[in-house]
Amino acid sequence: MKVTVDQEKCVASGQCVMATEEVFDQREEDGVVVLLTSEPPAELAEEVRQAAAVCPALAITVHE
């Protein structure tokens, strides 16, 4: 699994961080998504998929 984010699309809702804080964070100044790892471990795969699904801006892409 590989994950990419589009910071231009991000609306800083924080849903991704709530889904898996091991993979996503937010910038202090504006709350825009920060990708901590583009290749998360297999045990986080379902959480990462959930983060992508709940992103209101569809700023997260999961490549299987």
Protein backbone atom coordinates (compact mmCIF):
# COMPACT_ATOMS: atom_id res chain seq x y z
CA MET A 1 0.00 0.00 0.00
CA LYS A 2 1.14 3.50 -0.84
CA VAL A 3 -0.61 6.68 0.31
CA THR A 4 -0.56 10.14 -1.21
CA VAL A 5 -2.23 13.35 -0.09
CA ASP A 6 -3.18 16.50 -1.95
CA GLN A 7 -2.54 19.37 0.44
CA GLU A 8 -4.21 21.78 -1.99
CA LYS A 9 -7.53 19.90 -1.62
CA CYS A 10 -7.30 19.47 2.16
CA VAL A 11 -9.92 21.37 4.18
CA ALA A 12 -8.23 20.68 7.54
CA SER A 13 -11.11 18.69 9.04
CA GLY A 14 -8.76 16.34 10.89
CA GLN A 15 -10.79 13.20 10.12
CA CYS A 16 -7.67 11.45 8.83
CA VAL A 17 -5.76 12.08 12.06
CA MET A 18 -8.65 10.71 14.09
CA ALA A 19 -8.68 7.59 11.89
CA THR A 20 -4.93 6.90 12.12
CA GLU A 21 -2.57 9.31 13.83
CA GLU A 22 0.35 7.01 13.02
CA VAL A 23 0.07 7.96 9.34
CA PHE A 24 -1.48 11.45 9.29
CA ASP A 25 -0.91 14.69 11.18
CA GLN A 26 -1.88 18.32 10.69
CA ARG A 27 0.25 21.44 10.27
CA GLU A 28 0.13 23.66 13.33
CA GLU A 29 -0.43 26.89 11.40
CA ASP A 30 -3.43 25.89 9.27
CA GLY A 31 -4.42 22.28 10.03
CA VAL A 32 -3.61 20.98 6.55
CA VAL A 33 -2.80 17.27 6.37
CA VAL A 34 0.78 16.08 6.76
CA LEU A 35 1.62 12.56 5.62
CA LEU A 36 3.93 10.92 8.17
CA THR A 37 4.59 7.80 6.10
CA SER A 38 3.68 7.09 2.50
CA GLU A 39 4.00 3.32 2.98
CA PRO A 40 2.22 2.43 6.23
CA PRO A 41 2.61 -1.00 7.79
CA ALA A 42 0.09 -3.66 6.79
CA GLU A 43 -1.56 -3.65 10.22
CA LEU A 44 -2.72 -0.05 9.60
CA ALA A 45 -4.16 -0.73 6.14
CA GLU A 46 -7.81 -0.76 7.20
CA GLU A 47 -7.43 2.45 9.24
CA VAL A 48 -5.76 4.18 6.29
CA ARG A 49 -8.57 3.11 3.96
CA GLN A 50 -11.06 4.47 6.48
CA ALA A 51 -9.18 7.78 6.66
CA ALA A 52 -9.39 8.10 2.88
CA ALA A 53 -13.09 7.22 2.93
CA VAL A 54 -14.01 9.84 5.55
CA CYS A 55 -11.94 12.68 4.09
CA PRO A 56 -14.52 15.32 3.11
CA ALA A 57 -12.20 16.80 0.47
CA LEU A 58 -11.10 13.45 -1.00
CA ALA A 59 -7.51 14.61 -0.48
CA ILE A 60 -6.18 11.12 0.38
CA THR A 61 -5.44 8.49 -2.26
CA VAL A 62 -4.63 4.88 -1.40
CA HIS A 63 -2.72 2.91 -4.01
CA GLU A 64 -3.07 -0.83 -3.39
